[in-house]
Amino acid sequence: DIACENVVGAAATFSAEVKCTSITAPFYPPVVTAAQIGAMTVTAGAIVFNSTTNKLNVYTGSIWEIIESA
């Protein structure tokens, strides 16, 4: 399990690589609402599951894009 938290008033610095190698266990991004997404301060590449729309969202550096099915 990986847990990250930000201390109120402190800047969080993360530098890591996550490698998922299981063929039997899925990867779960953070699950948040559309309102929570709108309040986030993140950098390009952030990925979340939007529980309001039931879609994956990725932050491009300027907007949140919805990951759609092909």
Protein backbone atom coordinates (compact mmCIF):
# COMPACT_ATOMS: atom_id res chain seq x y z
CA ASP A 1 0.00 0.00 0.00
CA ILE A 2 1.14 3.54 -0.77
CA ALA A 3 -0.27 6.47 1.15
CA CYS A 4 0.60 10.12 0.59
CA GLU A 5 -0.50 13.03 2.66
CA ASN A 6 0.18 16.73 2.65
CA VAL A 7 0.75 18.53 5.93
CA VAL A 8 -1.49 21.61 6.11
CA GLY A 9 0.55 24.69 5.33
CA ALA A 10 3.53 22.71 4.07
CA ALA A 11 4.52 22.11 0.47
CA ALA A 12 4.61 18.45 -0.49
CA THR A 13 7.51 17.24 -2.61
CA PHE A 14 7.26 13.90 -4.32
CA SER A 15 9.83 12.18 -6.45
CA ALA A 16 9.06 8.55 -7.05
CA GLU A 17 8.42 5.85 -9.56
CA VAL A 18 5.53 3.48 -9.11
CA LYS A 19 5.86 0.22 -10.96
CA CYS A 20 2.90 -2.14 -10.98
CA THR A 21 3.82 -5.68 -12.00
CA SER A 22 0.90 -7.72 -10.71
CA ILE A 23 -1.20 -9.61 -13.22
CA THR A 24 -3.91 -10.27 -10.63
CA ALA A 25 -4.30 -6.95 -8.78
CA PRO A 26 -5.46 -3.68 -10.40
CA PHE A 27 -4.09 -0.16 -9.94
CA TYR A 28 -6.52 2.29 -8.33
CA PRO A 29 -5.96 6.04 -8.78
CA PRO A 30 -7.42 8.42 -6.18
CA VAL A 31 -11.23 8.62 -6.34
CA VAL A 32 -12.52 12.19 -6.07
CA THR A 33 -15.63 14.20 -6.95
CA ALA A 34 -15.78 16.87 -9.65
CA ALA A 35 -15.86 19.53 -6.93
CA GLN A 36 -12.73 18.10 -5.32
CA ILE A 37 -10.96 18.01 -8.71
CA GLY A 38 -11.77 21.70 -9.21
CA ALA A 39 -10.14 22.53 -5.87
CA MET A 40 -6.92 20.59 -6.52
CA THR A 41 -3.56 22.19 -7.18
CA VAL A 42 -1.56 19.67 -9.22
CA THR A 43 1.00 19.49 -12.00
CA ALA A 44 0.70 18.02 -15.50
CA GLY A 45 0.29 14.27 -15.53
CA ALA A 46 -1.89 13.96 -12.43
CA ILE A 47 -4.50 11.20 -12.82
CA VAL A 48 -7.69 10.74 -10.79
CA PHE A 49 -10.95 8.84 -11.08
CA ASN A 50 -13.85 11.31 -11.15
CA SER A 51 -16.66 9.69 -9.14
CA THR A 52 -19.15 12.30 -10.40
CA THR A 53 -18.72 11.28 -14.06
CA ASN A 54 -17.27 7.78 -13.50
CA LYS A 55 -14.37 8.66 -15.84
CA LEU A 56 -10.59 8.88 -15.54
CA ASN A 57 -9.26 12.45 -15.70
CA VAL A 58 -5.70 13.57 -16.46
CA TYR A 59 -4.34 17.07 -15.87
CA THR A 60 -2.54 18.54 -18.92
CA GLY A 61 -0.93 21.42 -17.09
CA SER A 62 -3.79 23.78 -17.90
CA ILE A 63 -7.03 21.73 -17.90
CA TRP A 64 -8.42 18.39 -16.75
CA GLU A 65 -9.05 16.10 -19.74
CA ILE A 66 -11.53 13.24 -19.58
CA ILE A 67 -10.18 9.87 -20.71
CA GLU A 68 -12.86 8.49 -23.04
CA SER A 69 -13.33 5.00 -24.42
CA ALA A 70 -12.28 4.43 -28.01
